[in-house]
PDB file of all heavy atoms in Angstrom:
ATOM      1  N   ALA A   1      -4.754   1.811  16.037  1.00  0.00           N
ATOM      2  CA  ALA A   1      -4.213   2.479  14.855  1.00  0.00           C
ATOM      3  C   ALA A   1      -2.925   1.813  14.381  1.00  0.00           C
ATOM      4  O   ALA A   1      -2.642   1.793  13.182  1.00  0.00           O
ATOM      5  CB  ALA A   1      -3.980   3.958  15.143  1.00  0.00           C
ATOM      6  N   THR A   2      -2.158   1.262  15.306  1.00  0.00           N
ATOM      7  CA  THR A   2      -0.940   0.563  14.905  1.00  0.00           C
ATOM      8  C   THR A   2      -1.277  -0.603  13.984  1.00  0.00           C
ATOM      9  O   THR A   2      -0.563  -0.857  13.012  1.00  0.00           O
ATOM     10  CB  THR A   2      -0.172   0.063  16.153  1.00  0.00           C
ATOM     11  OG1 THR A   2       0.098   1.175  17.000  1.00  0.00           O
ATOM     12  CG2 THR A   2       1.132  -0.610  15.772  1.00  0.00           C
ATOM     13  N   ALA A   3      -2.381  -1.285  14.256  1.00  0.00           N
ATOM     14  CA  ALA A   3      -2.772  -2.430  13.429  1.00  0.00           C
ATOM     15  C   ALA A   3      -3.110  -1.992  12.008  1.00  0.00           C
ATOM     16  O   ALA A   3      -2.645  -2.590  11.041  1.00  0.00           O
ATOM     17  CB  ALA A   3      -3.942  -3.170  14.064  1.00  0.00           C
ATOM     18  N   PHE A   4      -3.930  -0.924  11.850  1.00  0.00           N
ATOM     19  CA  PHE A   4      -4.288  -0.539  10.481  1.00  0.00           C
ATOM     20  C   PHE A   4      -3.101   0.045   9.725  1.00  0.00           C
ATOM     21  O   PHE A   4      -2.960  -0.175   8.528  1.00  0.00           O
ATOM     22  CB  PHE A   4      -5.536   0.345  10.397  1.00  0.00           C
ATOM     23  CG  PHE A   4      -5.440   1.769  10.881  1.00  0.00           C
ATOM     24  CD1 PHE A   4      -4.674   2.720  10.229  1.00  0.00           C
ATOM     25  CD2 PHE A   4      -6.195   2.182  11.970  1.00  0.00           C
ATOM     26  CE1 PHE A   4      -4.630   4.037  10.660  1.00  0.00           C
ATOM     27  CE2 PHE A   4      -6.166   3.497  12.407  1.00  0.00           C
ATOM     28  CZ  PHE A   4      -5.374   4.428  11.745  1.00  0.00           C
ATOM     29  N   SER A   5      -2.210   0.744  10.432  1.00  0.00           N
ATOM     30  CA  SER A   5      -1.049   1.303   9.741  1.00  0.00           C
ATOM     31  C   SER A   5      -0.078   0.194   9.329  1.00  0.00           C
ATOM     32  O   SER A   5       0.475   0.220   8.236  1.00  0.00           O
ATOM     33  CB  SER A   5      -0.346   2.342  10.604  1.00  0.00           C
ATOM     34  OG  SER A   5       0.183   1.759  11.778  1.00  0.00           O
ATOM     35  N   GLN A   6       0.100  -0.785  10.196  1.00  0.00           N
ATOM     36  CA  GLN A   6       0.979  -1.905   9.884  1.00  0.00           C
ATOM     37  C   GLN A   6       0.392  -2.748   8.756  1.00  0.00           C
ATOM     38  O   GLN A   6       1.104  -3.180   7.847  1.00  0.00           O
ATOM     39  CB  GLN A   6       1.184  -2.764  11.127  1.00  0.00           C
ATOM     40  CG  GLN A   6       2.135  -3.913  10.909  1.00  0.00           C
ATOM     41  CD  GLN A   6       2.384  -4.686  12.200  1.00  0.00           C
ATOM     42  OE1 GLN A   6       1.960  -4.287  13.278  1.00  0.00           O
ATOM     43  NE2 GLN A   6       3.077  -5.785  12.071  1.00  0.00           N
ATOM     44  N   PHE A   7      -0.906  -2.962   8.780  1.00  0.00           N
ATOM     45  CA  PHE A   7      -1.567  -3.733   7.729  1.00  0.00           C
ATOM     46  C   PHE A   7      -1.375  -3.045   6.371  1.00  0.00           C
ATOM     47  O   PHE A   7      -1.040  -3.695   5.379  1.00  0.00           O
ATOM     48  CB  PHE A   7      -3.054  -3.882   8.066  1.00  0.00           C
ATOM     49  CG  PHE A   7      -3.774  -4.863   7.206  1.00  0.00           C
ATOM     50  CD1 PHE A   7      -3.628  -6.225   7.404  1.00  0.00           C
ATOM     51  CD2 PHE A   7      -4.615  -4.436   6.192  1.00  0.00           C
ATOM     52  CE1 PHE A   7      -4.289  -7.144   6.619  1.00  0.00           C
ATOM     53  CE2 PHE A   7      -5.286  -5.345   5.398  1.00  0.00           C
ATOM     54  CZ  PHE A   7      -5.124  -6.704   5.610  1.00  0.00           C
ATOM     55  N   ALA A   8      -1.546  -1.717   6.329  1.00  0.00           N
ATOM     56  CA  ALA A   8      -1.363  -0.969   5.081  1.00  0.00           C
ATOM     57  C   ALA A   8       0.081  -1.061   4.605  1.00  0.00           C
ATOM     58  O   ALA A   8       0.344  -1.318   3.420  1.00  0.00           O
ATOM     59  CB  ALA A   8      -1.779   0.484   5.275  1.00  0.00           C
ATOM     60  N   TYR A   9       1.029  -0.870   5.522  1.00  0.00           N
ATOM     61  CA  TYR A   9       2.438  -0.919   5.133  1.00  0.00           C
ATOM     62  C   TYR A   9       2.800  -2.297   4.580  1.00  0.00           C
ATOM     63  O   TYR A   9       3.433  -2.414   3.533  1.00  0.00           O
ATOM     64  CB  TYR A   9       3.355  -0.557   6.302  1.00  0.00           C
ATOM     65  CG  TYR A   9       4.778  -0.393   5.854  1.00  0.00           C
ATOM     66  CD1 TYR A   9       5.234   0.838   5.401  1.00  0.00           C
ATOM     67  CD2 TYR A   9       5.654  -1.470   5.832  1.00  0.00           C
ATOM     68  CE1 TYR A   9       6.534   0.998   4.946  1.00  0.00           C
ATOM     69  CE2 TYR A   9       6.951  -1.325   5.374  1.00  0.00           C
ATOM     70  CZ  TYR A   9       7.383  -0.089   4.938  1.00  0.00           C
ATOM     71  OH  TYR A   9       8.672   0.047   4.472  1.00  0.00           O
ATOM     72  N   GLU A  10       2.402  -3.335   5.281  1.00  0.00           N
ATOM     73  CA  GLU A  10       2.735  -4.692   4.843  1.00  0.00           C
ATOM     74  C   GLU A  10       2.074  -5.033   3.506  1.00  0.00           C
ATOM     75  O   GLU A  10       2.661  -5.724   2.676  1.00  0.00           O
ATOM     76  CB  GLU A  10       2.353  -5.706   5.917  1.00  0.00           C
ATOM     77  CG  GLU A  10       3.267  -5.626   7.132  1.00  0.00           C
ATOM     78  CD  GLU A  10       2.838  -6.535   8.273  1.00  0.00           C
ATOM     79  OE1 GLU A  10       1.784  -7.219   8.157  1.00  0.00           O
ATOM     80  OE2 GLU A  10       3.540  -6.545   9.302  1.00  0.00           O
ATOM     81  N   TYR A  11       0.872  -4.536   3.274  1.00  0.00           N
ATOM     82  CA  TYR A  11       0.184  -4.781   2.005  1.00  0.00           C
ATOM     83  C   TYR A  11       0.971  -4.176   0.845  1.00  0.00           C
ATOM     84  O   TYR A  11       1.258  -4.841  -0.142  1.00  0.00           O
ATOM     85  CB  TYR A  11      -1.234  -4.202   2.052  1.00  0.00           C
ATOM     86  CG  TYR A  11      -1.932  -4.199   0.717  1.00  0.00           C
ATOM     87  CD1 TYR A  11      -2.403  -5.383   0.150  1.00  0.00           C
ATOM     88  CD2 TYR A  11      -2.126  -3.014   0.013  1.00  0.00           C
ATOM     89  CE1 TYR A  11      -3.048  -5.388  -1.075  1.00  0.00           C
ATOM     90  CE2 TYR A  11      -2.774  -3.007  -1.205  1.00  0.00           C
ATOM     91  CZ  TYR A  11      -3.229  -4.197  -1.750  1.00  0.00           C
ATOM     92  OH  TYR A  11      -3.859  -4.190  -2.965  1.00  0.00           O
ATOM     93  N   TYR A  12       1.341  -2.911   0.972  1.00  0.00           N
ATOM     94  CA  TYR A  12       2.050  -2.249  -0.123  1.00  0.00           C
ATOM     95  C   TYR A  12       3.493  -2.711  -0.245  1.00  0.00           C
ATOM     96  O   TYR A  12       4.080  -2.617  -1.316  1.00  0.00           O
ATOM     97  CB  TYR A  12       1.998  -0.732   0.043  1.00  0.00           C
ATOM     98  CG  TYR A  12       0.683  -0.154  -0.406  1.00  0.00           C
ATOM     99  CD1 TYR A  12      -0.275   0.246   0.513  1.00  0.00           C
ATOM    100  CD2 TYR A  12       0.393  -0.011  -1.757  1.00  0.00           C
ATOM    101  CE1 TYR A  12      -1.485   0.767   0.101  1.00  0.00           C
ATOM    102  CE2 TYR A  12      -0.815   0.507  -2.183  1.00  0.00           C
ATOM    103  CZ  TYR A  12      -1.752   0.896  -1.248  1.00  0.00           C
ATOM    104  OH  TYR A  12      -2.941   1.406  -1.666  1.00  0.00           O
ATOM    105  N   ASP A  13       4.090  -3.214   0.820  1.00  0.00           N
ATOM    106  CA  ASP A  13       5.477  -3.659   0.800  1.00  0.00           C
ATOM    107  C   ASP A  13       5.629  -5.112   0.355  1.00  0.00           C
ATOM    108  O   ASP A  13       6.740  -5.573   0.133  1.00  0.00           O
ATOM    109  CB  ASP A  13       6.101  -3.473   2.192  1.00  0.00           C
ATOM    110  CG  ASP A  13       7.615  -3.589   2.169  1.00  0.00           C
ATOM    111  OD1 ASP A  13       8.245  -3.037   1.242  1.00  0.00           O
ATOM    112  OD2 ASP A  13       8.167  -4.224   3.087  1.00  0.00           O
ATOM    113  N   ASP A  14       4.523  -5.832   0.209  1.00  0.00           N
ATOM    114  CA  ASP A  14       4.555  -7.252  -0.161  1.00  0.00           C
ATOM    115  C   ASP A  14       4.523  -7.377  -1.689  1.00  0.00           C
ATOM    116  O   ASP A  14       3.530  -7.040  -2.326  1.00  0.00           O
ATOM    117  CB  ASP A  14       3.354  -7.956   0.458  1.00  0.00           C
ATOM    118  CG  ASP A  14       3.367  -9.459   0.227  1.00  0.00           C
ATOM    119  OD1 ASP A  14       3.958  -9.926  -0.778  1.00  0.00           O
ATOM    120  OD2 ASP A  14       2.771 -10.177   1.041  1.00  0.00           O
ATOM    121  N   ASP A  15       5.614  -7.870  -2.266  1.00  0.00           N
ATOM    122  CA  ASP A  15       5.719  -7.966  -3.727  1.00  0.00           C
ATOM    123  C   ASP A  15       4.674  -8.875  -4.363  1.00  0.00           C
ATOM    124  O   ASP A  15       4.383  -8.742  -5.545  1.00  0.00           O
ATOM    125  CB  ASP A  15       7.113  -8.462  -4.123  1.00  0.00           C
ATOM    126  CG  ASP A  15       8.195  -7.438  -3.812  1.00  0.00           C
ATOM    127  OD1 ASP A  15       7.867  -6.242  -3.733  1.00  0.00           O
ATOM    128  OD2 ASP A  15       9.357  -7.846  -3.626  1.00  0.00           O
ATOM    129  N   THR A  16       4.107  -9.796  -3.608  1.00  0.00           N
ATOM    130  CA  THR A  16       3.147 -10.727  -4.210  1.00  0.00           C
ATOM    131  C   THR A  16       1.727 -10.154  -4.283  1.00  0.00           C
ATOM    132  O   THR A  16       0.950 -10.581  -5.119  1.00  0.00           O
ATOM    133  CB  THR A  16       3.100 -12.061  -3.437  1.00  0.00           C
ATOM    134  OG1 THR A  16       2.695 -11.812  -2.093  1.00  0.00           O
ATOM    135  CG2 THR A  16       4.448 -12.753  -3.461  1.00  0.00           C
ATOM    136  N   VAL A  17       1.394  -9.198  -3.434  1.00  0.00           N
ATOM    137  CA  VAL A  17       0.029  -8.652  -3.456  1.00  0.00           C
ATOM    138  C   VAL A  17      -0.030  -7.156  -3.754  1.00  0.00           C
ATOM    139  O   VAL A  17      -1.078  -6.638  -4.119  1.00  0.00           O
ATOM    140  CB  VAL A  17      -0.731  -8.918  -2.130  1.00  0.00           C
ATOM    141  CG1 VAL A  17      -0.912 -10.399  -1.904  1.00  0.00           C
ATOM    142  CG2 VAL A  17      -0.056  -8.259  -0.948  1.00  0.00           C
ATOM    143  N   SER A  18       1.066  -6.462  -3.600  1.00  0.00           N
ATOM    144  CA  SER A  18       1.062  -5.012  -3.766  1.00  0.00           C
ATOM    145  C   SER A  18       0.651  -4.606  -5.176  1.00  0.00           C
ATOM    146  O   SER A  18       1.109  -5.188  -6.158  1.00  0.00           O
ATOM    147  CB  SER A  18       2.447  -4.438  -3.471  1.00  0.00           C
ATOM    148  OG  SER A  18       2.454  -3.047  -3.697  1.00  0.00           O
ATOM    149  N   PRO A  19      -0.182  -3.582  -5.299  1.00  0.00           N
ATOM    150  CA  PRO A  19      -0.560  -3.085  -6.628  1.00  0.00           C
ATOM    151  C   PRO A  19       0.486  -2.160  -7.245  1.00  0.00           C
ATOM    152  O   PRO A  19       0.327  -1.692  -8.357  1.00  0.00           O
ATOM    153  CB  PRO A  19      -1.863  -2.330  -6.350  1.00  0.00           C
ATOM    154  CG  PRO A  19      -1.704  -1.832  -4.955  1.00  0.00           C
ATOM    155  CD  PRO A  19      -0.937  -2.921  -4.237  1.00  0.00           C
ATOM    156  N   ILE A  20       1.569  -1.902  -6.513  1.00  0.00           N
ATOM    157  CA  ILE A  20       2.597  -0.990  -7.025  1.00  0.00           C
ATOM    158  C   ILE A  20       3.317  -1.623  -8.204  1.00  0.00           C
ATOM    159  O   ILE A  20       3.806  -2.745  -8.129  1.00  0.00           O
ATOM    160  CB  ILE A  20       3.601  -0.609  -5.918  1.00  0.00           C
ATOM    161  CG1 ILE A  20       2.890   0.206  -4.838  1.00  0.00           C
ATOM    162  CG2 ILE A  20       4.778   0.170  -6.501  1.00  0.00           C
ATOM    163  CD1 ILE A  20       3.754   0.529  -3.640  1.00  0.00           C
ATOM    164  N   ASP A  21       3.376  -0.877  -9.306  1.00  0.00           N
ATOM    165  CA  ASP A  21       4.092  -1.299 -10.500  1.00  0.00           C
ATOM    166  C   ASP A  21       5.362  -0.460 -10.584  1.00  0.00           C
ATOM    167  O   ASP A  21       5.307   0.726 -10.912  1.00  0.00           O
ATOM    168  CB  ASP A  21       3.217  -1.084 -11.733  1.00  0.00           C
ATOM    169  CG  ASP A  21       3.911  -1.457 -13.034  1.00  0.00           C
ATOM    170  OD1 ASP A  21       5.081  -1.911 -12.993  1.00  0.00           O
ATOM    171  OD2 ASP A  21       3.286  -1.293 -14.100  1.00  0.00           O
ATOM    172  N   ALA A  22       6.487  -1.054 -10.255  1.00  0.00           N
ATOM    173  CA  ALA A  22       7.758  -0.320 -10.201  1.00  0.00           C
ATOM    174  C   ALA A  22       8.125   0.283 -11.555  1.00  0.00           C
ATOM    175  O   ALA A  22       8.847   1.278 -11.620  1.00  0.00           O
ATOM    176  CB  ALA A  22       8.871  -1.231  -9.710  1.00  0.00           C
ATOM    177  N   ALA A  23       7.622  -0.283 -12.644  1.00  0.00           N
ATOM    178  CA  ALA A  23       7.938   0.217 -13.979  1.00  0.00           C
ATOM    179  C   ALA A  23       7.108   1.447 -14.351  1.00  0.00           C
ATOM    180  O   ALA A  23       7.430   2.145 -15.301  1.00  0.00           O
ATOM    181  CB  ALA A  23       7.708  -0.886 -15.012  1.00  0.00           C
ATOM    182  N   SER A  24       6.056   1.708 -13.606  1.00  0.00           N
ATOM    183  CA  SER A  24       5.193   2.849 -13.900  1.00  0.00           C
ATOM    184  C   SER A  24       5.697   4.081 -13.162  1.00  0.00           C
ATOM    185  O   SER A  24       5.779   4.098 -11.935  1.00  0.00           O
ATOM    186  CB  SER A  24       3.750   2.542 -13.466  1.00  0.00           C
ATOM    187  OG  SER A  24       2.941   3.676 -13.667  1.00  0.00           O
ATOM    188  N   THR A  25       6.028   5.113 -13.925  1.00  0.00           N
ATOM    189  CA  THR A  25       6.552   6.332 -13.306  1.00  0.00           C
ATOM    190  C   THR A  25       5.458   7.299 -12.884  1.00  0.00           C
ATOM    191  O   THR A  25       5.731   8.256 -12.164  1.00  0.00           O
ATOM    192  CB  THR A  25       7.500   7.059 -14.280  1.00  0.00           C
ATOM    193  OG1 THR A  25       6.775   7.369 -15.475  1.00  0.00           O
ATOM    194  CG2 THR A  25       8.709   6.190 -14.599  1.00  0.00           C
ATOM    195  N   CYS A  26       4.226   7.065 -13.316  1.00  0.00           N
ATOM    196  CA  CYS A  26       3.172   8.019 -12.994  1.00  0.00           C
ATOM    197  C   CYS A  26       2.085   7.417 -12.091  1.00  0.00           C
ATOM    198  O   CYS A  26       1.068   8.053 -11.843  1.00  0.00           O
ATOM    199  CB  CYS A  26       2.531   8.561 -14.269  1.00  0.00           C
ATOM    200  SG  CYS A  26       1.707   7.308 -15.268  1.00  0.00           S
ATOM    201  N   GLN A  27       2.295   6.224 -11.599  1.00  0.00           N
ATOM    202  CA  GLN A  27       1.301   5.562 -10.750  1.00  0.00           C
ATOM    203  C   GLN A  27       1.206   6.258  -9.398  1.00  0.00           C
ATOM    204  O   GLN A  27       2.213   6.610  -8.793  1.00  0.00           O
ATOM    205  CB  GLN A  27       1.671   4.094 -10.554  1.00  0.00           C
ATOM    206  CG  GLN A  27       0.680   3.337  -9.699  1.00  0.00           C
ATOM    207  CD  GLN A  27       1.058   1.870  -9.523  1.00  0.00           C
ATOM    208  OE1 GLN A  27       2.093   1.411  -9.981  1.00  0.00           O
ATOM    209  NE2 GLN A  27       0.208   1.130  -8.865  1.00  0.00           N
ATOM    210  N   LEU A  28      -0.010   6.449  -8.954  1.00  0.00           N
ATOM    211  CA  LEU A  28      -0.264   6.998  -7.630  1.00  0.00           C
ATOM    212  C   LEU A  28      -0.886   5.910  -6.772  1.00  0.00           C
ATOM    213  O   LEU A  28      -1.724   5.150  -7.237  1.00  0.00           O
ATOM    214  CB  LEU A  28      -1.234   8.181  -7.711  1.00  0.00           C
ATOM    215  CG  LEU A  28      -0.774   9.378  -8.527  1.00  0.00           C
ATOM    216  CD1 LEU A  28      -1.891  10.406  -8.622  1.00  0.00           C
ATOM    217  CD2 LEU A  28       0.456  10.000  -7.914  1.00  0.00           C
ATOM    218  N   ASN A  29      -0.471   5.856  -5.513  1.00  0.00           N
ATOM    219  CA  ASN A  29      -1.010   4.858  -4.594  1.00  0.00           C
ATOM    220  C   ASN A  29      -1.458   5.545  -3.317  1.00  0.00           C
ATOM    221  O   ASN A  29      -0.735   6.375  -2.767  1.00  0.00           O
ATOM    222  CB  ASN A  29       0.053   3.797  -4.280  1.00  0.00           C
ATOM    223  CG  ASN A  29       0.403   2.993  -5.510  1.00  0.00           C
ATOM    224  OD1 ASN A  29      -0.377   2.183  -5.963  1.00  0.00           O
ATOM    225  ND2 ASN A  29       1.564   3.249  -6.078  1.00  0.00           N
ATOM    226  N   TYR A  30      -2.640   5.182  -2.870  1.00  0.00           N
ATOM    227  CA  TYR A  30      -3.228   5.773  -1.671  1.00  0.00           C
ATOM    228  C   TYR A  30      -3.780   4.687  -0.770  1.00  0.00           C
ATOM    229  O   TYR A  30      -4.340   3.699  -1.250  1.00  0.00           O
ATOM    230  CB  TYR A  30      -4.385   6.714  -2.038  1.00  0.00           C
ATOM    231  CG  TYR A  30      -3.937   8.032  -2.606  1.00  0.00           C
ATOM    232  CD1 TYR A  30      -3.586   8.157  -3.940  1.00  0.00           C
ATOM    233  CD2 TYR A  30      -3.849   9.161  -1.807  1.00  0.00           C
ATOM    234  CE1 TYR A  30      -3.170   9.368  -4.467  1.00  0.00           C
ATOM    235  CE2 TYR A  30      -3.433  10.381  -2.322  1.00  0.00           C
ATOM    236  CZ  TYR A  30      -3.098  10.474  -3.655  1.00  0.00           C
ATOM    237  OH  TYR A  30      -2.680  11.678  -4.161  1.00  0.00           O
ATOM    238  N   ALA A  31      -3.650   4.915   0.516  1.00  0.00           N
ATOM    239  CA  ALA A  31      -4.366   4.127   1.523  1.00  0.00           C
ATOM    240  C   ALA A  31      -5.431   5.071   2.070  1.00  0.00           C
ATOM    241  O   ALA A  31      -5.186   6.271   2.225  1.00  0.00           O
ATOM    242  CB  ALA A  31      -3.421   3.686   2.634  1.00  0.00           C
ATOM    243  N   ILE A  32      -6.604   4.544   2.337  1.00  0.00           N
ATOM    244  CA  ILE A  32      -7.687   5.363   2.877  1.00  0.00           C
ATOM    245  C   ILE A  32      -8.096   4.792   4.222  1.00  0.00           C
ATOM    246  O   ILE A  32      -8.427   3.612   4.327  1.00  0.00           O
ATOM    247  CB  ILE A  32      -8.894   5.402   1.919  1.00  0.00           C
ATOM    248  CG1 ILE A  32      -8.477   5.965   0.557  1.00  0.00           C
ATOM    249  CG2 ILE A  32     -10.026   6.231   2.529  1.00  0.00           C
ATOM    250  CD1 ILE A  32      -9.567   5.913  -0.496  1.00  0.00           C
ATOM    251  N   VAL A  33      -8.049   5.633   5.250  1.00  0.00           N
ATOM    252  CA  VAL A  33      -8.448   5.247   6.604  1.00  0.00           C
ATOM    253  C   VAL A  33      -9.773   5.940   6.889  1.00  0.00           C
ATOM    254  O   VAL A  33      -9.874   7.161   6.797  1.00  0.00           O
ATOM    255  CB  VAL A  33      -7.389   5.682   7.642  1.00  0.00           C
ATOM    256  CG1 VAL A  33      -7.880   5.412   9.057  1.00  0.00           C
ATOM    257  CG2 VAL A  33      -6.067   4.978   7.381  1.00  0.00           C
ATOM    258  N   ILE A  34     -10.786   5.149   7.210  1.00  0.00           N
ATOM    259  CA  ILE A  34     -12.102   5.683   7.542  1.00  0.00           C
ATOM    260  C   ILE A  34     -12.434   5.248   8.959  1.00  0.00           C
ATOM    261  O   ILE A  34     -12.346   4.067   9.282  1.00  0.00           O
ATOM    262  CB  ILE A  34     -13.185   5.158   6.572  1.00  0.00           C
ATOM    263  CG1 ILE A  34     -12.827   5.529   5.129  1.00  0.00           C
ATOM    264  CG2 ILE A  34     -14.561   5.708   6.947  1.00  0.00           C
ATOM    265  CD1 ILE A  34     -13.729   4.897   4.083  1.00  0.00           C
ATOM    266  N   GLY A  35     -12.796   6.174   9.816  1.00  0.00           N
ATOM    267  CA  GLY A  35     -13.120   5.809  11.187  1.00  0.00           C
ATOM    268  C   GLY A  35     -13.667   6.973  11.972  1.00  0.00           C
ATOM    269  O   GLY A  35     -14.058   8.001  11.408  1.00  0.00           O
TER     270      GLY A  35
END
């Protein structure tokens, strides 16, 4: 579980790949864990 949680955190925290748009005030972001 540490691997999937770290992978998700690093994905969203990486400015080059993250889908987060800092200029968007209404954007919602979700990670989905299936197992």
